[in-house]
């Protein structure tokens, strides 16, 4: 009988290296990356909640089974969550359900 190779690859990182891969949680809009400043308030909230939840639920799994930093994975998950509810047109974001967009400039 032949042995099959596991489909999961284990990381060879040290504890110090893996600790650096865990991105801190976002607690408020001021903590978010500057490139998200143009998002509507609700989209920022969605991003923050999805990012933090991904970090909470899956950080141990990421550290054990992948070399990809958890912050990158959590960012992708959070952006997908935002894009489910908002659509980007140019630099503006519109709510997919209501069509509401950025406030007009005065």
PDB file of N, CA and C in Angstrom:
ATOM      1  N   UNK A   1       0.853  -1.184   0.000  1.00  0.00           N
ATOM      2  CA  UNK A   1       0.000   0.000   0.000  1.00  0.00           C
ATOM      3  C   UNK A   1       0.893   1.241   0.000  1.00  0.00           C
ATOM      4  N   UNK A   2       0.578   2.219  -0.832  1.00  0.00           N
ATOM      5  CA  UNK A   2       1.396   3.429  -0.900  1.00  0.00           C
ATOM      6  C   UNK A   2       0.837   4.495   0.019  1.00  0.00           C
ATOM      7  N   UNK A   3       1.733   5.272   0.529  1.00  0.00           N
ATOM      8  CA  UNK A   3       1.325   6.392   1.379  1.00  0.00           C
ATOM      9  C   UNK A   3       1.001   7.586   0.493  1.00  0.00           C
ATOM     10  N   UNK A   4      -0.051   8.282   0.841  1.00  0.00           N
ATOM     11  CA  UNK A   4      -0.391   9.491   0.087  1.00  0.00           C
ATOM     12  C   UNK A   4       0.101  10.704   0.851  1.00  0.00           C
ATOM     13  N   UNK A   5       0.542  11.664   0.117  1.00  0.00           N
ATOM     14  CA  UNK A   5       1.030  12.897   0.717  1.00  0.00           C
ATOM     15  C   UNK A   5      -0.157  13.749   1.144  1.00  0.00           C
ATOM     16  N   UNK A   6      -0.075  14.305   2.315  1.00  0.00           N
ATOM     17  CA  UNK A   6      -1.146  15.162   2.813  1.00  0.00           C
ATOM     18  C   UNK A   6      -1.281  16.389   1.924  1.00  0.00           C
ATOM     19  N   UNK A   7      -2.524  16.807   1.676  1.00  0.00           N
ATOM     20  CA  UNK A   7      -2.744  17.990   0.843  1.00  0.00           C
ATOM     21  C   UNK A   7      -2.475  19.269   1.604  1.00  0.00           C
ATOM     22  N   UNK A   8      -2.322  19.164   2.909  1.00  0.00           N
ATOM     23  CA  UNK A   8      -2.056  20.338   3.734  1.00  0.00           C
ATOM     24  C   UNK A   8      -0.555  20.445   3.940  1.00  0.00           C
ATOM     25  N   UNK A   9      -0.009  21.597   3.624  1.00  0.00           N
ATOM     26  CA  UNK A   9       1.410  21.813   3.852  1.00  0.00           C
ATOM     27  C   UNK A   9       1.586  22.583   5.143  1.00  0.00           C
ATOM     28  N   UNK A  10       2.474  22.110   5.962  1.00  0.00           N
ATOM     29  CA  UNK A  10       2.703  22.753   7.250  1.00  0.00           C
ATOM     30  C   UNK A  10       3.790  23.808   7.129  1.00  0.00           C
ATOM     31  N   UNK A  11       3.621  24.862   7.842  1.00  0.00           N
ATOM     32  CA  UNK A  11       4.569  25.966   7.807  1.00  0.00           C
ATOM     33  C   UNK A  11       5.821  25.614   8.589  1.00  0.00           C
ATOM     34  N   UNK A  12       6.942  26.082   8.104  1.00  0.00           N
ATOM     35  CA  UNK A  12       8.213  25.893   8.793  1.00  0.00           C
ATOM     36  C   UNK A  12       8.631  27.153   9.530  1.00  0.00           C
ATOM     37  N   UNK A  13       7.708  28.047   9.785  1.00  0.00           N
ATOM     38  CA  UNK A  13       8.036  29.311  10.435  1.00  0.00           C
ATOM     39  C   UNK A  13       8.234  29.123  11.925  1.00  0.00           C
ATOM     40  N   UNK A  14       9.082  29.973  12.483  1.00  0.00           N
ATOM     41  CA  UNK A  14       9.270  29.982  13.929  1.00  0.00           C
ATOM     42  C   UNK A  14       8.105  30.723  14.566  1.00  0.00           C
ATOM     43  N   UNK A  15       7.960  30.603  15.885  1.00  0.00           N
ATOM     44  CA  UNK A  15       6.876  31.290  16.589  1.00  0.00           C
ATOM     45  C   UNK A  15       6.991  32.803  16.396  1.00  0.00           C
ATOM     46  N   UNK A  16       8.209  33.343  16.440  1.00  0.00           N
ATOM     47  CA  UNK A  16       8.384  34.788  16.251  1.00  0.00           C
ATOM     48  C   UNK A  16       7.902  35.234  14.872  1.00  0.00           C
ATOM     49  N   UNK A  17       8.199  34.441  13.851  1.00  0.00           N
ATOM     50  CA  UNK A  17       7.769  34.791  12.501  1.00  0.00           C
ATOM     51  C   UNK A  17       6.252  34.730  12.371  1.00  0.00           C
ATOM     52  N   UNK A  18       5.623  33.726  12.976  1.00  0.00           N
ATOM     53  CA  UNK A  18       4.175  33.602  12.859  1.00  0.00           C
ATOM     54  C   UNK A  18       3.468  34.672  13.667  1.00  0.00           C
ATOM     55  N   UNK A  19       4.031  35.075  14.790  1.00  0.00           N
ATOM     56  CA  UNK A  19       3.424  36.147  15.575  1.00  0.00           C
ATOM     57  C   UNK A  19       3.368  37.444  14.770  1.00  0.00           C
ATOM     58  N   UNK A  20       4.356  37.667  13.905  1.00  0.00           N
ATOM     59  CA  UNK A  20       4.381  38.875  13.091  1.00  0.00           C
ATOM     60  C   UNK A  20       3.320  38.833  11.993  1.00  0.00           C
ATOM     61  N   UNK A  21       2.852  37.640  11.635  1.00  0.00           N
ATOM     62  CA  UNK A  21       1.856  37.502  10.580  1.00  0.00           C
ATOM     63  C   UNK A  21       0.450  37.847  11.045  1.00  0.00           C
ATOM     64  N   UNK A  22       0.207  37.876  12.347  1.00  0.00           N
ATOM     65  CA  UNK A  22      -1.119  38.177  12.861  1.00  0.00           C
ATOM     66  C   UNK A  22      -1.282  39.688  12.932  1.00  0.00           C
ATOM     67  N   UNK A  23      -2.203  40.197  12.145  1.00  0.00           N
ATOM     68  CA  UNK A  23      -2.452  41.636  12.107  1.00  0.00           C
ATOM     69  C   UNK A  23      -3.321  42.010  13.298  1.00  0.00           C
ATOM     70  N   UNK A  24      -3.063  43.137  13.935  1.00  0.00           N
ATOM     71  CA  UNK A  24      -3.917  43.560  15.049  1.00  0.00           C
ATOM     72  C   UNK A  24      -5.336  43.849  14.570  1.00  0.00           C
ATOM     73  N   UNK A  25      -6.282  43.746  15.490  1.00  0.00           N
ATOM     74  CA  UNK A  25      -7.678  44.014  15.155  1.00  0.00           C
ATOM     75  C   UNK A  25      -7.884  45.498  14.876  1.00  0.00           C
ATOM     76  N   UNK A  26      -8.917  45.767  14.092  1.00  0.00           N
ATOM     77  CA  UNK A  26      -9.341  47.136  13.845  1.00  0.00           C
ATOM     78  C   UNK A  26     -10.486  47.439  14.805  1.00  0.00           C
ATOM     79  N   UNK A  27     -10.329  48.482  15.627  1.00  0.00           N
ATOM     80  CA  UNK A  27     -11.353  48.820  16.615  1.00  0.00           C
ATOM     81  C   UNK A  27     -12.242  49.973  16.169  1.00  0.00           C
ATOM     82  N   UNK A  28     -11.754  50.804  15.278  1.00  0.00           N
ATOM     83  CA  UNK A  28     -12.534  51.942  14.804  1.00  0.00           C
ATOM     84  C   UNK A  28     -12.053  52.364  13.428  1.00  0.00           C
ATOM     85  N   UNK A  29     -12.754  53.322  12.833  1.00  0.00           N
ATOM     86  CA  UNK A  29     -12.379  53.794  11.500  1.00  0.00           C
ATOM     87  C   UNK A  29     -10.954  54.327  11.462  1.00  0.00           C
ATOM     88  N   UNK A  30     -10.508  54.911  12.565  1.00  0.00           N
ATOM     89  CA  UNK A  30      -9.160  55.482  12.611  1.00  0.00           C
ATOM     90  C   UNK A  30      -8.079  54.400  12.505  1.00  0.00           C
ATOM     91  N   UNK A  31      -8.420  53.149  12.785  1.00  0.00           N
ATOM     92  CA  UNK A  31      -7.453  52.050  12.719  1.00  0.00           C
ATOM     93  C   UNK A  31      -7.322  51.460  11.319  1.00  0.00           C
ATOM     94  N   UNK A  32      -8.295  51.729  10.454  1.00  0.00           N
ATOM     95  CA  UNK A  32      -8.301  51.136   9.120  1.00  0.00           C
ATOM     96  C   UNK A  32      -7.188  51.719   8.250  1.00  0.00           C
ATOM     97  N   UNK A  33      -6.725  50.950   7.261  1.00  0.00           N
ATOM     98  CA  UNK A  33      -5.713  51.470   6.336  1.00  0.00           C
ATOM     99  C   UNK A  33      -6.230  52.712   5.609  1.00  0.00           C
ATOM    100  N   UNK A  34      -5.333  53.616   5.279  1.00  0.00           N
ATOM    101  CA  UNK A  34      -5.723  54.889   4.658  1.00  0.00           C
ATOM    102  C   UNK A  34      -6.419  54.697   3.312  1.00  0.00           C
ATOM    103  N   UNK A  35      -6.129  53.602   2.607  1.00  0.00           N
ATOM    104  CA  UNK A  35      -6.766  53.395   1.305  1.00  0.00           C
ATOM    105  C   UNK A  35      -8.254  53.053   1.425  1.00  0.00           C
ATOM    106  N   UNK A  36      -8.750  52.842   2.651  1.00  0.00           N
ATOM    107  CA  UNK A  36     -10.171  52.562   2.856  1.00  0.00           C
ATOM    108  C   UNK A  36     -10.937  53.801   3.318  1.00  0.00           C
ATOM    109  N   UNK A  37     -10.273  54.937   3.376  1.00  0.00           N
ATOM    110  CA  UNK A  37     -10.897  56.165   3.881  1.00  0.00           C
ATOM    111  C   UNK A  37     -12.119  56.578   3.068  1.00  0.00           C
ATOM    112  N   UNK A  38     -12.147  56.271   1.783  1.00  0.00           N
ATOM    113  CA  UNK A  38     -13.258  56.668   0.926  1.00  0.00           C
ATOM    114  C   UNK A  38     -14.490  55.786   1.024  1.00  0.00           C
ATOM    115  N   UNK A  39     -14.415  54.711   1.797  1.00  0.00           N
ATOM    116  CA  UNK A  39     -15.577  53.832   1.943  1.00  0.00           C
ATOM    117  C   UNK A  39     -16.669  54.509   2.758  1.00  0.00           C
ATOM    118  N   UNK A  40     -17.933  54.239   2.440  1.00  0.00           N
ATOM    119  CA  UNK A  40     -19.024  54.720   3.292  1.00  0.00           C
ATOM    120  C   UNK A  40     -18.903  54.106   4.689  1.00  0.00           C
ATOM    121  N   UNK A  41     -19.500  54.748   5.669  1.00  0.00           N
ATOM    122  CA  UNK A  41     -19.401  54.282   7.061  1.00  0.00           C
ATOM    123  C   UNK A  41     -19.816  52.829   7.209  1.00  0.00           C
ATOM    124  N   UNK A  42     -20.932  52.461   6.587  1.00  0.00           N
ATOM    125  CA  UNK A  42     -21.411  51.072   6.706  1.00  0.00           C
ATOM    126  C   UNK A  42     -20.413  50.099   6.083  1.00  0.00           C
ATOM    127  N   UNK A  43     -19.792  50.459   4.979  1.00  0.00           N
ATOM    128  CA  UNK A  43     -18.802  49.594   4.337  1.00  0.00           C
ATOM    129  C   UNK A  43     -17.570  49.428   5.232  1.00  0.00           C
ATOM    130  N   UNK A  44     -17.175  50.496   5.910  1.00  0.00           N
ATOM    131  CA  UNK A  44     -16.048  50.404   6.847  1.00  0.00           C
ATOM    132  C   UNK A  44     -16.381  49.455   7.988  1.00  0.00           C
ATOM    133  N   UNK A  45     -17.615  49.542   8.461  1.00  0.00           N
ATOM    134  CA  UNK A  45     -18.052  48.658   9.542  1.00  0.00           C
ATOM    135  C   UNK A  45     -18.038  47.195   9.082  1.00  0.00           C
ATOM    136  N   UNK A  46     -18.523  46.939   7.875  1.00  0.00           N
ATOM    137  CA  UNK A  46     -18.516  45.587   7.313  1.00  0.00           C
ATOM    138  C   UNK A  46     -17.082  45.086   7.199  1.00  0.00           C
ATOM    139  N   UNK A  47     -16.198  45.919   6.661  1.00  0.00           N
ATOM    140  CA  UNK A  47     -14.792  45.538   6.505  1.00  0.00           C
ATOM    141  C   UNK A  47     -14.188  45.174   7.860  1.00  0.00           C
ATOM    142  N   UNK A  48     -14.367  46.050   8.825  1.00  0.00           N
ATOM    143  CA  UNK A  48     -13.782  45.858  10.158  1.00  0.00           C
ATOM    144  C   UNK A  48     -14.296  44.564  10.798  1.00  0.00           C
ATOM    145  N   UNK A  49     -15.603  44.346  10.744  1.00  0.00           N
ATOM    146  CA  UNK A  49     -16.187  43.147  11.348  1.00  0.00           C
ATOM    147  C   UNK A  49     -15.705  41.873  10.655  1.00  0.00           C
ATOM    148  N   UNK A  50     -15.659  41.885   9.328  1.00  0.00           N
ATOM    149  CA  UNK A  50     -15.217  40.705   8.586  1.00  0.00           C
ATOM    150  C   UNK A  50     -13.733  40.432   8.819  1.00  0.00           C
ATOM    151  N   UNK A  51     -12.922  41.480   8.817  1.00  0.00           N
ATOM    152  CA  UNK A  51     -11.485  41.321   9.045  1.00  0.00           C
ATOM    153  C   UNK A  51     -11.233  40.730  10.428  1.00  0.00           C
ATOM    154  N   UNK A  52     -11.840  41.329  11.442  1.00  0.00           N
ATOM    155  CA  UNK A  52     -11.624  40.872  12.817  1.00  0.00           C
ATOM    156  C   UNK A  52     -12.144  39.456  13.027  1.00  0.00           C
ATOM    157  N   UNK A  53     -13.299  39.136  12.456  1.00  0.00           N
ATOM    158  CA  UNK A  53     -13.861  37.790  12.602  1.00  0.00           C
ATOM    159  C   UNK A  53     -12.959  36.751  11.944  1.00  0.00           C
ATOM    160  N   UNK A  54     -12.410  37.087  10.787  1.00  0.00           N
ATOM    161  CA  UNK A  54     -11.502  36.163  10.103  1.00  0.00           C
ATOM    162  C   UNK A  54     -10.262  35.927  10.947  1.00  0.00           C
ATOM    163  N   UNK A  55      -9.710  36.983  11.496  1.00  0.00           N
ATOM    164  CA  UNK A  55      -8.544  36.845  12.370  1.00  0.00           C
ATOM    165  C   UNK A  55      -8.876  35.962  13.574  1.00  0.00           C
ATOM    166  N   UNK A  56     -10.024  36.216  14.206  1.00  0.00           N
ATOM    167  CA  UNK A  56     -10.409  35.459  15.397  1.00  0.00           C
ATOM    168  C   UNK A  56     -10.612  33.984  15.100  1.00  0.00           C
ATOM    169  N   UNK A  57     -11.318  33.706  14.035  1.00  0.00           N
ATOM    170  CA  UNK A  57     -11.718  32.325  13.762  1.00  0.00           C
ATOM    171  C   UNK A  57     -10.639  31.484  13.118  1.00  0.00           C
ATOM    172  N   UNK A  58      -9.808  32.093  12.285  1.00  0.00           N
ATOM    173  CA  UNK A  58      -8.934  31.288  11.451  1.00  0.00           C
ATOM    174  C   UNK A  58      -7.442  31.520  11.622  1.00  0.00           C
ATOM    175  N   UNK A  59      -7.024  32.396  12.526  1.00  0.00           N
ATOM    176  CA  UNK A  59      -5.594  32.700  12.625  1.00  0.00           C
ATOM    177  C   UNK A  59      -4.769  31.461  12.957  1.00  0.00           C
ATOM    178  N   UNK A  60      -5.232  30.613  13.861  1.00  0.00           N
ATOM    179  CA  UNK A  60      -4.483  29.394  14.187  1.00  0.00           C
ATOM    180  C   UNK A  60      -4.362  28.483  12.975  1.00  0.00           C
ATOM    181  N   UNK A  61      -5.434  28.345  12.220  1.00  0.00           N
ATOM    182  CA  UNK A  61      -5.423  27.509  11.026  1.00  0.00           C
ATOM    183  C   UNK A  61      -4.438  28.054  10.001  1.00  0.00           C
ATOM    184  N   UNK A  62      -4.474  29.367   9.771  1.00  0.00           N
ATOM    185  CA  UNK A  62      -3.553  29.969   8.816  1.00  0.00           C
ATOM    186  C   UNK A  62      -2.111  29.730   9.225  1.00  0.00           C
ATOM    187  N   UNK A  63      -1.823  29.912  10.498  1.00  0.00           N
ATOM    188  CA  UNK A  63      -0.451  29.787  10.975  1.00  0.00           C
ATOM    189  C   UNK A  63       0.067  28.365  10.849  1.00  0.00           C
ATOM    190  N   UNK A  64      -0.801  27.402  10.993  1.00  0.00           N
ATOM    191  CA  UNK A  64      -0.381  26.005  10.931  1.00  0.00           C
ATOM    192  C   UNK A  64      -0.261  25.486   9.510  1.00  0.00           C
ATOM    193  N   UNK A  65      -1.077  26.000   8.592  1.00  0.00           N
ATOM    194  CA  UNK A  65      -1.204  25.346   7.298  1.00  0.00           C
ATOM    195  C   UNK A  65      -0.854  26.186   6.076  1.00  0.00           C
ATOM    196  N   UNK A  66      -0.387  27.374   6.277  1.00  0.00           N
ATOM    197  CA  UNK A  66      -0.039  28.194   5.115  1.00  0.00           C
ATOM    198  C   UNK A  66       1.084  29.155   5.481  1.00  0.00           C
ATOM    199  N   UNK A  67       1.790  29.586   4.486  1.00  0.00           N
ATOM    200  CA  UNK A  67       2.836  30.588   4.704  1.00  0.00           C
ATOM    201  C   UNK A  67       2.318  31.994   4.443  1.00  0.00           C
ATOM    202  N   UNK A  68       1.054  32.116   4.060  1.00  0.00           N
ATOM    203  CA  UNK A  68       0.497  33.433   3.765  1.00  0.00           C
ATOM    204  C   UNK A  68       0.119  34.142   5.062  1.00  0.00           C
ATOM    205  N   UNK A  69       0.531  35.393   5.232  1.00  0.00           N
ATOM    206  CA  UNK A  69       0.181  36.133   6.450  1.00  0.00           C
ATOM    207  C   UNK A  69      -1.330  36.240   6.627  1.00  0.00           C
ATOM    208  N   UNK A  70      -1.791  36.091   7.859  1.00  0.00           N
ATOM    209  CA  UNK A  70      -3.232  36.123   8.121  1.00  0.00           C
ATOM    210  C   UNK A  70      -3.845  37.472   7.769  1.00  0.00           C
ATOM    211  N   UNK A  71      -3.087  38.552   7.902  1.00  0.00           N
ATOM    212  CA  UNK A  71      -3.613  39.867   7.553  1.00  0.00           C
ATOM    213  C   UNK A  71      -4.002  39.954   6.086  1.00  0.00           C
ATOM    214  N   UNK A  72      -3.223  39.329   5.210  1.00  0.00           N
ATOM    215  CA  UNK A  72      -3.546  39.333   3.779  1.00  0.00           C
ATOM    216  C   UNK A  72      -4.831  38.562   3.509  1.00  0.00           C
ATOM    217  N   UNK A  73      -4.954  37.411   4.142  1.00  0.00           N
ATOM    218  CA  UNK A  73      -6.153  36.594   3.954  1.00  0.00           C
ATOM    219  C   UNK A  73      -7.371  37.323   4.515  1.00  0.00           C
ATOM    220  N   UNK A  74      -7.241  37.865   5.718  1.00  0.00           N
ATOM    221  CA  UNK A  74      -8.353  38.584   6.345  1.00  0.00           C
ATOM    222  C   UNK A  74      -8.749  39.798   5.508  1.00  0.00           C
ATOM    223  N   UNK A  75      -7.784  40.469   4.903  1.00  0.00           N
ATOM    224  CA  UNK A  75      -8.069  41.612   4.038  1.00  0.00           C
ATOM    225  C   UNK A  75      -8.901  41.183   2.836  1.00  0.00           C
ATOM    226  N   UNK A  76      -8.528  40.071   2.204  1.00  0.00           N
ATOM    227  CA  UNK A  76      -9.289  39.585   1.047  1.00  0.00           C
ATOM    228  C   UNK A  76     -10.724  39.235   1.440  1.00  0.00           C
ATOM    229  N   UNK A  77     -10.875  38.554   2.571  1.00  0.00           N
ATOM    230  CA  UNK A  77     -12.211  38.184   3.048  1.00  0.00           C
ATOM    231  C   UNK A  77     -13.035  39.442   3.319  1.00  0.00           C
ATOM    232  N   UNK A  78     -12.428  40.420   3.982  1.00  0.00           N
ATOM    233  CA  UNK A  78     -13.140  41.652   4.335  1.00  0.00           C
ATOM    234  C   UNK A  78     -13.543  42.444   3.090  1.00  0.00           C
ATOM    235  N   UNK A  79     -12.652  42.529   2.108  1.00  0.00           N
ATOM    236  CA  UNK A  79     -12.992  43.247   0.873  1.00  0.00           C
ATOM    237  C   UNK A  79     -14.123  42.551   0.121  1.00  0.00           C
ATOM    238  N   UNK A  80     -14.117  41.224   0.122  1.00  0.00           N
ATOM    239  CA  UNK A  80     -15.221  40.490  -0.516  1.00  0.00           C
ATOM    240  C   UNK A  80     -16.538  40.784   0.186  1.00  0.00           C
ATOM    241  N   UNK A  81     -16.498  40.860   1.507  1.00  0.00           N
ATOM    242  CA  UNK A  81     -17.712  41.163   2.274  1.00  0.00           C
ATOM    243  C   UNK A  81     -18.246  42.545   1.902  1.00  0.00           C
ATOM    244  N   UNK A  82     -17.351  43.510   1.766  1.00  0.00           N
ATOM    245  CA  UNK A  82     -17.761  44.865   1.372  1.00  0.00           C
ATOM    246  C   UNK A  82     -18.355  44.837  -0.035  1.00  0.00           C
ATOM    247  N   UNK A  83     -17.705  44.133  -0.948  1.00  0.00           N
ATOM    248  CA  UNK A  83     -18.148  44.117  -2.346  1.00  0.00           C
ATOM    249  C   UNK A  83     -19.461  43.366  -2.547  1.00  0.00           C
ATOM    250  N   UNK A  84     -19.852  42.547  -1.578  1.00  0.00           N
ATOM    251  CA  UNK A  84     -21.169  41.905  -1.661  1.00  0.00           C
ATOM    252  C   UNK A  84     -22.284  42.929  -1.458  1.00  0.00           C
ATOM    253  N   UNK A  85     -22.012  43.957  -0.674  1.00  0.00           N
ATOM    254  CA  UNK A  85     -23.046  44.947  -0.361  1.00  0.00           C
ATOM    255  C   UNK A  85     -22.841  46.290  -1.057  1.00  0.00           C
ATOM    256  N   UNK A  86     -21.627  46.539  -1.545  1.00  0.00           N
ATOM    257  CA  UNK A  86     -21.322  47.816  -2.192  1.00  0.00           C
ATOM    258  C   UNK A  86     -20.634  47.568  -3.525  1.00  0.00           C
ATOM    259  N   UNK A  87     -20.868  48.492  -4.456  1.00  0.00           N
ATOM    260  CA  UNK A  87     -20.223  48.419  -5.759  1.00  0.00           C
ATOM    261  C   UNK A  87     -19.362  49.656  -5.943  1.00  0.00           C
ATOM    262  N   UNK A  88     -18.143  49.448  -6.413  1.00  0.00           N
ATOM    263  CA  UNK A  88     -17.246  50.571  -6.646  1.00  0.00           C
ATOM    264  C   UNK A  88     -17.379  51.027  -8.094  1.00  0.00           C
ATOM    265  N   UNK A  89     -17.615  52.325  -8.251  1.00  0.00           N
ATOM    266  CA  UNK A  89     -17.672  52.944  -9.573  1.00  0.00           C
ATOM    267  C   UNK A  89     -16.678  54.091  -9.532  1.00  0.00           C
ATOM    268  N   UNK A  90     -15.559  53.915 -10.218  1.00  0.00           N
ATOM    269  CA  UNK A  90     -14.478  54.895 -10.115  1.00  0.00           C
ATOM    270  C   UNK A  90     -13.953  54.895  -8.694  1.00  0.00           C
ATOM    271  N   UNK A  91     -13.954  56.062  -8.074  1.00  0.00           N
ATOM    272  CA  UNK A  91     -13.505  56.168  -6.682  1.00  0.00           C
ATOM    273  C   UNK A  91     -14.667  56.114  -5.696  1.00  0.00           C
ATOM    274  N   UNK A  92     -15.888  56.027  -6.209  1.00  0.00           N
ATOM    275  CA  UNK A  92     -17.076  56.069  -5.353  1.00  0.00           C
ATOM    276  C   UNK A  92     -17.633  54.669  -5.111  1.00  0.00           C
ATOM    277  N   UNK A  93     -18.288  54.515  -3.967  1.00  0.00           N
ATOM    278  CA  UNK A  93     -18.910  53.247  -3.588  1.00  0.00           C
ATOM    279  C   UNK A  93     -20.408  53.447  -3.453  1.00  0.00           C
ATOM    280  N   UNK A  94     -21.186  52.536  -4.036  1.00  0.00           N
ATOM    281  CA  UNK A  94     -22.643  52.611  -4.013  1.00  0.00           C
ATOM    282  C   UNK A  94     -23.222  51.367  -3.349  1.00  0.00           C
ATOM    283  N   UNK A  95     -24.219  51.587  -2.505  1.00  0.00           N
ATOM    284  CA  UNK A  95     -24.926  50.490  -1.856  1.00  0.00           C
ATOM    285  C   UNK A  95     -25.676  49.712  -2.937  1.00  0.00           C
ATOM    286  N   UNK A  96     -25.444  48.421  -3.025  1.00  0.00           N
ATOM    287  CA  UNK A  96     -26.077  47.612  -4.071  1.00  0.00           C
ATOM    288  C   UNK A  96     -27.596  47.540  -3.905  1.00  0.00           C
ATOM    289  N   UNK A  97     -28.077  47.563  -2.672  1.00  0.00           N
ATOM    290  CA  UNK A  97     -29.508  47.429  -2.425  1.00  0.00           C
ATOM    291  C   UNK A  97     -30.264  48.733  -2.661  1.00  0.00           C
ATOM    292  N   UNK A  98     -29.737  49.827  -2.142  1.00  0.00           N
ATOM    293  CA  UNK A  98     -30.457  51.103  -2.220  1.00  0.00           C
ATOM    294  C   UNK A  98     -29.979  51.997  -3.357  1.00  0.00           C
ATOM    295  N   UNK A  99     -28.789  51.732  -3.881  1.00  0.00           N
ATOM    296  CA  UNK A  99     -28.216  52.590  -4.909  1.00  0.00           C
ATOM    297  C   UNK A  99     -27.612  53.859  -4.348  1.00  0.00           C
ATOM    298  N   UNK A 100     -27.696  54.009  -3.026  1.00  0.00           N
ATOM    299  CA  UNK A 100     -27.167  55.210  -2.374  1.00  0.00           C
ATOM    300  C   UNK A 100     -25.659  55.284  -2.569  1.00  0.00           C
ATOM    301  N   UNK A 101     -25.196  56.485  -2.900  1.00  0.00           N
ATOM    302  CA  UNK A 101     -23.780  56.686  -3.142  1.00  0.00           C
ATOM    303  C   UNK A 101     -23.213  57.777  -2.271  1.00  0.00           C
ATOM    304  N   UNK A 102     -22.101  58.349  -2.705  1.00  0.00           N
ATOM    305  CA  UNK A 102     -21.457  59.392  -1.907  1.00  0.00           C
ATOM    306  C   UNK A 102     -22.316  60.653  -1.841  1.00  0.00           C
ATOM    307  N   UNK A 103     -22.137  61.382  -0.768  1.00  0.00           N
ATOM    308  CA  UNK A 103     -22.868  62.644  -0.605  1.00  0.00           C
ATOM    309  C   UNK A 103     -22.376  63.640  -1.645  1.00  0.00           C
ATOM    310  N   UNK A 104     -23.278  64.426  -2.218  1.00  0.00           N
ATOM    311  CA  UNK A 104     -22.844  65.423  -3.203  1.00  0.00           C
ATOM    312  C   UNK A 104     -21.973  66.490  -2.546  1.00  0.00           C
ATOM    313  N   UNK A 105     -20.987  66.970  -3.310  1.00  0.00           N
ATOM    314  CA  UNK A 105     -20.115  68.024  -2.785  1.00  0.00           C
ATOM    315  C   UNK A 105     -20.870  69.347  -2.791  1.00  0.00           C
ATOM    316  N   UNK A 106     -20.636  70.139  -1.769  1.00  0.00           N
ATOM    317  CA  UNK A 106     -21.331  71.435  -1.646  1.00  0.00           C
ATOM    318  C   UNK A 106     -20.382  72.553  -1.999  1.00  0.00           C
TER     319      UNK A 106
END
